[in-house]
Amino acid sequence: MPGPLHEFLQQDHARLDALLRRTTASPHAIDIEAYESFRAGLLRHIAMEEKILLPEARRLRDGEALAVAPQLRADHSALASLLVPTPTYEIIGTIQRVLAQHNPLEEGPGELYDVCEHLAGSEVEGLITRLRATPEVPLARHFDGPRVAAHIDSLLRARTAGK
C-alpha cells in the first residue's frame, strides 16, 4: 500500500493527466485554458522532484544519486522543452507518450516514490510539507522559433539514448 508521499505525488500525476486529457477532448480545438493549467502544474511538479525529492534522496544516500535519476532528469528536460512552443495535437501526443513511459519510473512498486518514502522514514511528513510549499513556476510566453523543434528533438533522443 502506497504511503503518504507516494499518494501525494501520484495524485498530482492524476490531476495533471486529467488536465492533459481535457486539452484534446475536442477534435476541433485544443482547450488552451486546460493546457496552460497543465503546463503550469507539470512545471511545478518537475520542480518538486528536481529541487526537493531527488536532492533529498541523494542526501539520505550519503551523496549517492539514485540510479534512475539520470533518466528522470532527461525525461523532465524533454517534457519542459515540449511546453515551450504553442501546443499542437502532435506536441500533446508526444507529451502523453513521454509521460506514459516516465510515470511508471516514479509511481511503480519499488520505484522513485516508494524508494524516497523509505529513505525519508520518520522525516516523510516534513518532506511532503516542503513539496507542498513548492511555488508555482512563472510561465513564459510560448516560443515557436526556428531552433525550438531541433532542441526538442535532441532532448527526446537524449532521453532514449540511455535505455
N, C-alpha and C. Protein backbone atom coordinates (compact mmCIF):
# COMPACT_ATOMS: atom_id res chain seq x y z
N MET A 1 0.85 -1.19 0.00
CA MET A 1 0.00 0.00 0.00
C MET A 1 0.89 1.25 0.00
N PRO A 2 0.64 2.16 -0.94
CA PRO A 2 1.46 3.37 -1.01
C PRO A 2 1.32 4.21 0.26
N GLY A 3 2.42 4.84 0.62
CA GLY A 3 2.42 5.73 1.77
C GLY A 3 2.02 7.14 1.38
N PRO A 4 2.10 8.08 2.32
CA PRO A 4 1.61 9.44 2.07
C PRO A 4 2.40 10.21 1.01
N LEU A 5 3.70 10.00 0.91
CA LEU A 5 4.48 10.67 -0.12
C LEU A 5 4.07 10.18 -1.50
N HIS A 6 4.01 8.87 -1.64
CA HIS A 6 3.60 8.25 -2.89
C HIS A 6 2.20 8.74 -3.28
N GLU A 7 1.29 8.72 -2.34
CA GLU A 7 -0.10 9.16 -2.60
C GLU A 7 -0.14 10.61 -3.06
N PHE A 8 0.59 11.48 -2.38
CA PHE A 8 0.59 12.90 -2.72
C PHE A 8 1.07 13.12 -4.15
N LEU A 9 2.19 12.52 -4.50
CA LEU A 9 2.75 12.72 -5.84
C LEU A 9 1.94 12.01 -6.92
N GLN A 10 1.41 10.84 -6.60
CA GLN A 10 0.60 10.11 -7.57
C GLN A 10 -0.72 10.86 -7.83
N GLN A 11 -1.28 11.46 -6.81
CA GLN A 11 -2.50 12.26 -7.00
C GLN A 11 -2.23 13.47 -7.89
N ASP A 12 -1.04 14.05 -7.76
CA ASP A 12 -0.70 15.16 -8.63
C ASP A 12 -0.57 14.68 -10.07
N HIS A 13 0.02 13.50 -10.27
CA HIS A 13 0.07 12.91 -11.62
C HIS A 13 -1.34 12.76 -12.18
N ALA A 14 -2.26 12.24 -11.37
CA ALA A 14 -3.63 12.02 -11.83
C ALA A 14 -4.30 13.35 -12.21
N ARG A 15 -4.06 14.38 -11.41
CA ARG A 15 -4.62 15.71 -11.70
C ARG A 15 -4.07 16.23 -13.03
N LEU A 16 -2.77 16.08 -13.23
CA LEU A 16 -2.14 16.53 -14.47
C LEU A 16 -2.64 15.72 -15.67
N ASP A 17 -2.77 14.42 -15.50
CA ASP A 17 -3.29 13.57 -16.58
C ASP A 17 -4.70 14.00 -16.99
N ALA A 18 -5.54 14.33 -16.01
CA ALA A 18 -6.90 14.76 -16.32
C ALA A 18 -6.89 16.09 -17.09
N LEU A 19 -6.03 17.01 -16.67
CA LEU A 19 -5.93 18.28 -17.40
C LEU A 19 -5.46 18.05 -18.83
N LEU A 20 -4.48 17.16 -19.00
CA LEU A 20 -3.96 16.91 -20.34
C LEU A 20 -5.04 16.27 -21.23
N ARG A 21 -5.82 15.36 -20.67
CA ARG A 21 -6.92 14.77 -21.44
C ARG A 21 -7.93 15.83 -21.86
N ARG A 22 -8.20 16.78 -20.96
CA ARG A 22 -9.15 17.86 -21.28
C ARG A 22 -8.67 18.70 -22.45
N THR A 23 -7.35 18.84 -22.59
CA THR A 23 -6.83 19.72 -23.65
C THR A 23 -7.24 19.24 -25.03
N THR A 24 -7.39 17.92 -25.19
CA THR A 24 -7.71 17.37 -26.51
C THR A 24 -9.07 16.68 -26.53
N ALA A 25 -9.94 17.04 -25.60
CA ALA A 25 -11.26 16.42 -25.57
C ALA A 25 -12.04 16.72 -26.84
N SER A 26 -11.80 17.87 -27.43
CA SER A 26 -12.44 18.22 -28.69
C SER A 26 -11.45 17.96 -29.83
N PRO A 27 -11.90 17.29 -30.88
CA PRO A 27 -11.00 17.08 -32.02
C PRO A 27 -10.83 18.33 -32.88
N HIS A 28 -11.58 19.38 -32.54
CA HIS A 28 -11.58 20.59 -33.38
C HIS A 28 -10.70 21.71 -32.83
N ALA A 29 -10.46 21.72 -31.53
CA ALA A 29 -9.67 22.81 -30.94
C ALA A 29 -9.08 22.37 -29.61
N ILE A 30 -7.86 22.75 -29.39
CA ILE A 30 -7.20 22.48 -28.11
C ILE A 30 -7.78 23.42 -27.07
N ASP A 31 -8.08 22.88 -25.91
CA ASP A 31 -8.57 23.68 -24.79
C ASP A 31 -7.35 24.36 -24.16
N ILE A 32 -7.12 25.60 -24.54
CA ILE A 32 -5.92 26.33 -24.12
C ILE A 32 -5.91 26.57 -22.61
N GLU A 33 -7.06 26.84 -22.03
CA GLU A 33 -7.11 27.06 -20.58
C GLU A 33 -6.66 25.80 -19.84
N ALA A 34 -7.15 24.64 -20.25
CA ALA A 34 -6.73 23.38 -19.62
C ALA A 34 -5.24 23.13 -19.87
N TYR A 35 -4.79 23.44 -21.08
CA TYR A 35 -3.38 23.22 -21.41
C TYR A 35 -2.48 24.09 -20.54
N GLU A 36 -2.83 25.36 -20.38
CA GLU A 36 -2.00 26.25 -19.58
C GLU A 36 -1.99 25.83 -18.11
N SER A 37 -3.10 25.31 -17.61
CA SER A 37 -3.13 24.78 -16.24
C SER A 37 -2.24 23.54 -16.15
N PHE A 38 -2.30 22.68 -17.17
CA PHE A 38 -1.44 21.50 -17.21
C PHE A 38 0.02 21.95 -17.25
N ARG A 39 0.33 22.88 -18.13
CA ARG A 39 1.71 23.35 -18.30
C ARG A 39 2.27 23.88 -16.97
N ALA A 40 1.52 24.74 -16.30
CA ALA A 40 1.96 25.29 -15.01
C ALA A 40 2.12 24.18 -13.98
N GLY A 41 1.16 23.26 -13.96
CA GLY A 41 1.21 22.17 -12.99
C GLY A 41 2.36 21.21 -13.23
N LEU A 42 2.63 20.89 -14.50
CA LEU A 42 3.73 19.98 -14.80
C LEU A 42 5.07 20.62 -14.46
N LEU A 43 5.24 21.89 -14.76
CA LEU A 43 6.49 22.55 -14.42
C LEU A 43 6.69 22.61 -12.90
N ARG A 44 5.63 22.82 -12.16
CA ARG A 44 5.73 22.81 -10.69
C ARG A 44 6.06 21.41 -10.20
N HIS A 45 5.42 20.39 -10.78
CA HIS A 45 5.68 19.01 -10.38
C HIS A 45 7.14 18.64 -10.65
N ILE A 46 7.64 19.02 -11.82
CA ILE A 46 9.04 18.77 -12.15
C ILE A 46 9.94 19.47 -11.13
N ALA A 47 9.61 20.71 -10.78
CA ALA A 47 10.41 21.45 -9.79
C ALA A 47 10.42 20.73 -8.45
N MET A 48 9.27 20.18 -8.03
CA MET A 48 9.23 19.43 -6.77
C MET A 48 10.21 18.27 -6.79
N GLU A 49 10.24 17.57 -7.90
CA GLU A 49 11.11 16.40 -7.99
C GLU A 49 12.57 16.78 -8.16
N GLU A 50 12.84 17.77 -9.00
CA GLU A 50 14.23 18.16 -9.29
C GLU A 50 14.88 18.95 -8.16
N LYS A 51 14.11 19.80 -7.50
CA LYS A 51 14.69 20.68 -6.49
C LYS A 51 14.58 20.15 -5.07
N ILE A 52 13.66 19.21 -4.85
CA ILE A 52 13.45 18.71 -3.48
C ILE A 52 13.64 17.20 -3.41
N LEU A 53 12.85 16.45 -4.16
CA LEU A 53 12.81 14.99 -4.00
C LEU A 53 14.14 14.31 -4.36
N LEU A 54 14.65 14.56 -5.55
CA LEU A 54 15.90 13.90 -5.95
C LEU A 54 17.09 14.35 -5.10
N PRO A 55 17.23 15.65 -4.80
CA PRO A 55 18.32 16.04 -3.90
C PRO A 55 18.20 15.43 -2.50
N GLU A 56 16.97 15.31 -2.01
CA GLU A 56 16.76 14.72 -0.68
C GLU A 56 17.14 13.25 -0.69
N ALA A 57 16.78 12.55 -1.75
CA ALA A 57 17.18 11.13 -1.86
C ALA A 57 18.70 11.02 -1.87
N ARG A 58 19.34 11.89 -2.60
CA ARG A 58 20.81 11.88 -2.66
C ARG A 58 21.40 12.15 -1.28
N ARG A 59 20.85 13.11 -0.57
CA ARG A 59 21.33 13.43 0.78
C ARG A 59 21.18 12.22 1.70
N LEU A 60 20.03 11.59 1.63
CA LEU A 60 19.76 10.45 2.50
C LEU A 60 20.58 9.21 2.13
N ARG A 61 21.17 9.24 0.94
CA ARG A 61 22.04 8.14 0.50
C ARG A 61 23.52 8.56 0.56
N ASP A 62 23.80 9.47 1.47
CA ASP A 62 25.17 9.95 1.69
C ASP A 62 25.84 10.43 0.40
N GLY A 63 25.09 11.18 -0.40
CA GLY A 63 25.64 11.79 -1.60
C GLY A 63 25.54 10.95 -2.85
N GLU A 64 25.01 9.74 -2.75
CA GLU A 64 24.88 8.87 -3.92
C GLU A 64 23.51 9.06 -4.56
N ALA A 65 23.51 9.45 -5.82
CA ALA A 65 22.25 9.65 -6.54
C ALA A 65 21.58 8.30 -6.81
N LEU A 66 20.28 8.33 -6.93
CA LEU A 66 19.54 7.13 -7.31
C LEU A 66 19.89 6.76 -8.75
N ALA A 67 19.91 5.48 -9.04
CA ALA A 67 20.26 5.01 -10.39
C ALA A 67 19.30 5.55 -11.44
N VAL A 68 18.06 5.77 -11.08
CA VAL A 68 17.04 6.23 -12.04
C VAL A 68 17.11 7.75 -12.26
N ALA A 69 17.87 8.47 -11.46
CA ALA A 69 17.89 9.93 -11.54
C ALA A 69 18.27 10.47 -12.92
N PRO A 70 19.30 9.94 -13.59
CA PRO A 70 19.62 10.48 -14.93
C PRO A 70 18.47 10.34 -15.93
N GLN A 71 17.77 9.21 -15.88
CA GLN A 71 16.63 9.03 -16.79
C GLN A 71 15.51 10.00 -16.46
N LEU A 72 15.23 10.18 -15.18
CA LEU A 72 14.18 11.11 -14.79
C LEU A 72 14.53 12.53 -15.22
N ARG A 73 15.78 12.91 -15.05
CA ARG A 73 16.20 14.26 -15.44
C ARG A 73 16.12 14.45 -16.95
N ALA A 74 16.49 13.43 -17.70
CA ALA A 74 16.39 13.52 -19.16
C ALA A 74 14.92 13.65 -19.58
N ASP A 75 14.05 12.88 -18.94
CA ASP A 75 12.62 12.98 -19.23
C ASP A 75 12.08 14.37 -18.87
N HIS A 76 12.47 14.87 -17.69
CA HIS A 76 12.00 16.18 -17.27
C HIS A 76 12.45 17.27 -18.24
N SER A 77 13.68 17.17 -18.72
CA SER A 77 14.18 18.15 -19.69
C SER A 77 13.38 18.10 -20.98
N ALA A 78 13.11 16.90 -21.46
CA ALA A 78 12.33 16.75 -22.69
C ALA A 78 10.92 17.28 -22.50
N LEU A 79 10.30 16.96 -21.38
CA LEU A 79 8.94 17.43 -21.12
C LEU A 79 8.90 18.96 -21.04
N ALA A 80 9.84 19.55 -20.33
CA ALA A 80 9.87 21.01 -20.21
C ALA A 80 10.04 21.66 -21.59
N SER A 81 10.87 21.05 -22.43
CA SER A 81 11.07 21.62 -23.77
C SER A 81 9.80 21.53 -24.61
N LEU A 82 9.03 20.48 -24.42
CA LEU A 82 7.79 20.32 -25.16
C LEU A 82 6.73 21.36 -24.77
N LEU A 83 6.92 21.99 -23.62
CA LEU A 83 5.98 23.00 -23.15
C LEU A 83 6.31 24.40 -23.67
N VAL A 84 7.42 24.54 -24.39
CA VAL A 84 7.84 25.84 -24.89
C VAL A 84 7.00 26.30 -26.08
N PRO A 85 6.86 25.50 -27.14
CA PRO A 85 6.11 26.00 -28.31
C PRO A 85 4.60 26.03 -28.06
N THR A 86 3.92 26.72 -28.93
CA THR A 86 2.46 26.74 -28.91
C THR A 86 1.98 25.29 -29.05
N PRO A 87 1.04 24.87 -28.21
CA PRO A 87 0.63 23.46 -28.26
C PRO A 87 -0.09 23.09 -29.56
N THR A 88 0.21 21.88 -30.02
CA THR A 88 -0.49 21.28 -31.15
C THR A 88 -0.91 19.88 -30.71
N TYR A 89 -1.77 19.26 -31.49
CA TYR A 89 -2.16 17.88 -31.17
C TYR A 89 -0.94 16.96 -31.20
N GLU A 90 -0.01 17.23 -32.11
CA GLU A 90 1.20 16.40 -32.20
C GLU A 90 2.06 16.55 -30.95
N ILE A 91 2.26 17.78 -30.50
CA ILE A 91 3.06 18.02 -29.29
C ILE A 91 2.39 17.36 -28.09
N ILE A 92 1.10 17.52 -27.96
CA ILE A 92 0.39 16.93 -26.83
C ILE A 92 0.49 15.41 -26.88
N GLY A 93 0.40 14.83 -28.06
CA GLY A 93 0.57 13.39 -28.20
C GLY A 93 1.95 12.93 -27.76
N THR A 94 2.97 13.72 -28.10
CA THR A 94 4.34 13.39 -27.68
C THR A 94 4.46 13.48 -26.16
N ILE A 95 3.89 14.51 -25.56
CA ILE A 95 3.90 14.64 -24.10
C ILE A 95 3.24 13.42 -23.47
N GLN A 96 2.10 13.00 -24.01
CA GLN A 96 1.40 11.83 -23.47
C GLN A 96 2.27 10.57 -23.56
N ARG A 97 2.97 10.40 -24.67
CA ARG A 97 3.84 9.22 -24.83
C ARG A 97 5.01 9.25 -23.85
N VAL A 98 5.62 10.41 -23.67
CA VAL A 98 6.73 10.53 -22.72
C VAL A 98 6.24 10.23 -21.31
N LEU A 99 5.10 10.81 -20.93
CA LEU A 99 4.57 10.58 -19.59
C LEU A 99 4.19 9.11 -19.37
N ALA A 100 3.70 8.45 -20.41
CA ALA A 100 3.32 7.03 -20.29
C ALA A 100 4.54 6.17 -19.96
N GLN A 101 5.70 6.57 -20.42
CA GLN A 101 6.94 5.85 -20.10
C GLN A 101 7.57 6.34 -18.80
N HIS A 102 7.41 7.62 -18.53
CA HIS A 102 8.06 8.26 -17.38
C HIS A 102 7.36 7.95 -16.05
N ASN A 103 6.05 8.10 -16.00
CA ASN A 103 5.34 7.99 -14.73
C ASN A 103 5.54 6.64 -14.02
N PRO A 104 5.59 5.51 -14.74
CA PRO A 104 5.85 4.25 -14.03
C PRO A 104 7.22 4.20 -13.33
N LEU A 105 8.19 4.96 -13.82
CA LEU A 105 9.50 5.02 -13.16
C LEU A 105 9.40 5.70 -11.80
N GLU A 106 8.36 6.47 -11.61
CA GLU A 106 8.15 7.17 -10.35
C GLU A 106 7.11 6.47 -9.49
N GLU A 107 6.01 6.04 -10.10
CA GLU A 107 4.87 5.50 -9.37
C GLU A 107 4.90 3.99 -9.15
N GLY A 108 5.64 3.28 -9.97
CA GLY A 108 5.61 1.82 -9.91
C GLY A 108 6.05 1.29 -8.56
N PRO A 109 5.64 0.08 -8.23
CA PRO A 109 6.07 -0.53 -6.96
C PRO A 109 7.60 -0.60 -6.90
N GLY A 110 8.13 -0.09 -5.80
CA GLY A 110 9.58 -0.11 -5.62
C GLY A 110 10.32 0.94 -6.41
N GLU A 111 9.59 1.84 -7.07
CA GLU A 111 10.23 2.87 -7.88
C GLU A 111 10.42 4.15 -7.06
N LEU A 112 10.67 5.27 -7.72
CA LEU A 112 11.11 6.50 -7.07
C LEU A 112 10.32 6.87 -5.82
N TYR A 113 9.00 6.94 -5.94
CA TYR A 113 8.22 7.42 -4.80
C TYR A 113 8.33 6.46 -3.61
N ASP A 114 8.30 5.18 -3.86
CA ASP A 114 8.45 4.22 -2.77
C ASP A 114 9.85 4.29 -2.17
N VAL A 115 10.86 4.41 -3.01
CA VAL A 115 12.24 4.49 -2.52
C VAL A 115 12.41 5.74 -1.65
N CYS A 116 11.92 6.87 -2.14
CA CYS A 116 12.06 8.12 -1.37
C CYS A 116 11.28 8.05 -0.06
N GLU A 117 10.13 7.43 -0.10
CA GLU A 117 9.33 7.27 1.13
C GLU A 117 10.11 6.45 2.16
N HIS A 118 10.70 5.37 1.69
CA HIS A 118 11.50 4.50 2.57
C HIS A 118 12.71 5.27 3.12
N LEU A 119 13.41 5.98 2.24
CA LEU A 119 14.59 6.73 2.68
C LEU A 119 14.23 7.81 3.69
N ALA A 120 13.12 8.50 3.47
CA ALA A 120 12.72 9.60 4.36
C ALA A 120 12.32 9.10 5.73
N GLY A 121 11.75 7.90 5.80
CA GLY A 121 11.37 7.34 7.10
C GLY A 121 10.52 8.30 7.91
N SER A 122 10.97 8.61 9.11
CA SER A 122 10.20 9.48 10.01
C SER A 122 10.18 10.93 9.53
N GLU A 123 10.99 11.28 8.54
CA GLU A 123 11.03 12.65 8.01
C GLU A 123 10.04 12.85 6.86
N VAL A 124 9.22 11.83 6.55
CA VAL A 124 8.38 11.89 5.36
C VAL A 124 7.37 13.04 5.40
N GLU A 125 6.78 13.32 6.54
CA GLU A 125 5.79 14.40 6.61
C GLU A 125 6.45 15.75 6.36
N GLY A 126 7.66 15.95 6.87
CA GLY A 126 8.39 17.18 6.60
C GLY A 126 8.72 17.32 5.12
N LEU A 127 9.05 16.20 4.48
CA LEU A 127 9.33 16.20 3.05
C LEU A 127 8.08 16.58 2.26
N ILE A 128 6.96 16.02 2.63
CA ILE A 128 5.69 16.35 1.96
C ILE A 128 5.37 17.84 2.15
N THR A 129 5.60 18.36 3.33
CA THR A 129 5.36 19.78 3.60
C THR A 129 6.22 20.64 2.67
N ARG A 130 7.48 20.28 2.50
CA ARG A 130 8.37 21.02 1.59
C ARG A 130 7.88 20.92 0.15
N LEU A 131 7.42 19.74 -0.26
CA LEU A 131 6.91 19.58 -1.62
C LEU A 131 5.67 20.44 -1.83
N ARG A 132 4.77 20.44 -0.86
CA ARG A 132 3.55 21.25 -0.97
C ARG A 132 3.86 22.74 -1.08
N ALA A 133 4.96 23.17 -0.46
CA ALA A 133 5.33 24.58 -0.44
C ALA A 133 6.05 25.03 -1.72
N THR A 134 6.28 24.11 -2.64
CA THR A 134 6.94 24.48 -3.90
C THR A 134 6.11 25.54 -4.61
N PRO A 135 6.74 26.67 -4.93
CA PRO A 135 5.97 27.73 -5.59
C PRO A 135 5.64 27.39 -7.04
N GLU A 136 4.65 28.08 -7.55
CA GLU A 136 4.33 27.97 -8.97
C GLU A 136 5.53 28.46 -9.77
N VAL A 137 5.72 27.88 -10.93
CA VAL A 137 6.81 28.29 -11.82
C VAL A 137 6.26 29.37 -12.74
N PRO A 138 6.94 30.53 -12.82
CA PRO A 138 6.46 31.57 -13.74
C PRO A 138 6.49 31.05 -15.18
N LEU A 139 5.42 31.29 -15.90
CA LEU A 139 5.33 30.80 -17.28
C LEU A 139 5.73 31.89 -18.26
N ALA A 140 6.63 31.53 -19.15
CA ALA A 140 6.98 32.42 -20.25
C ALA A 140 5.95 32.22 -21.36
N ARG A 141 5.89 33.18 -22.26
CA ARG A 141 5.02 33.01 -23.42
C ARG A 141 5.56 31.87 -24.27
N HIS A 142 4.69 31.23 -25.02
CA HIS A 142 5.14 30.18 -25.93
C HIS A 142 6.07 30.77 -26.96
N PHE A 143 7.04 29.97 -27.38
CA PHE A 143 8.02 30.42 -28.37
C PHE A 143 8.12 29.36 -29.46
N ASP A 144 7.96 29.79 -30.70
CA ASP A 144 7.96 28.87 -31.83
C ASP A 144 9.11 29.16 -32.79
N GLY A 145 10.22 29.64 -32.27
CA GLY A 145 11.35 29.99 -33.11
C GLY A 145 11.92 28.81 -33.87
N PRO A 146 12.82 29.10 -34.80
CA PRO A 146 13.32 28.07 -35.72
C PRO A 146 14.11 26.95 -35.04
N ARG A 147 14.70 27.20 -33.89
CA ARG A 147 15.53 26.17 -33.25
C ARG A 147 14.78 25.35 -32.22
N VAL A 148 13.55 25.72 -31.92
CA VAL A 148 12.80 25.03 -30.88
C VAL A 148 12.59 23.56 -31.24
N ALA A 149 12.15 23.27 -32.44
CA ALA A 149 11.88 21.88 -32.83
C ALA A 149 13.15 21.05 -32.79
N ALA A 150 14.27 21.59 -33.23
CA ALA A 150 15.54 20.86 -33.20
C ALA A 150 15.96 20.59 -31.76
N HIS A 151 15.75 21.55 -30.88
CA HIS A 151 16.11 21.37 -29.48
C HIS A 151 15.25 20.27 -28.84
N ILE A 152 13.95 20.31 -29.12
CA ILE A 152 13.05 19.27 -28.61
C ILE A 152 13.49 17.90 -29.12
N ASP A 153 13.76 17.79 -30.40
CA ASP A 153 14.20 16.52 -30.98
C ASP A 153 15.46 16.00 -30.30
N SER A 154 16.41 16.89 -30.03
CA SER A 154 17.66 16.43 -29.40
C SER A 154 17.41 15.95 -27.98
N LEU A 155 16.53 16.60 -27.25
CA LEU A 155 16.22 16.16 -25.88
C LEU A 155 15.41 14.86 -25.88
N LEU A 156 14.53 14.69 -26.85
CA LEU A 156 13.79 13.43 -26.94
C LEU A 156 14.74 12.27 -27.28
N ARG A 157 15.70 12.51 -28.15
CA ARG A 157 16.70 11.47 -28.47
C ARG A 157 17.56 11.16 -27.26
N ALA A 158 17.95 12.20 -26.51
CA ALA A 158 18.82 12.01 -25.35
C ALA A 158 18.13 11.17 -24.28
N ARG A 159 16.83 11.33 -24.13
CA ARG A 159 16.14 10.56 -23.08
C ARG A 159 16.04 9.08 -23.41
N THR A 160 16.14 8.73 -24.68
CA THR A 160 16.08 7.32 -25.05
C THR A 160 17.46 6.72 -25.29
N ALA A 161 18.49 7.56 -25.32
CA ALA A 161 19.85 7.08 -25.59
C ALA A 161 20.36 6.16 -24.50
N GLY A 162 19.97 6.42 -23.25
CA GLY A 162 20.48 5.63 -22.13
C GLY A 162 19.68 4.36 -21.86
N LYS A 163 18.62 4.13 -22.60
CA LYS A 163 17.77 2.97 -22.31
C LYS A 163 18.31 1.72 -22.97
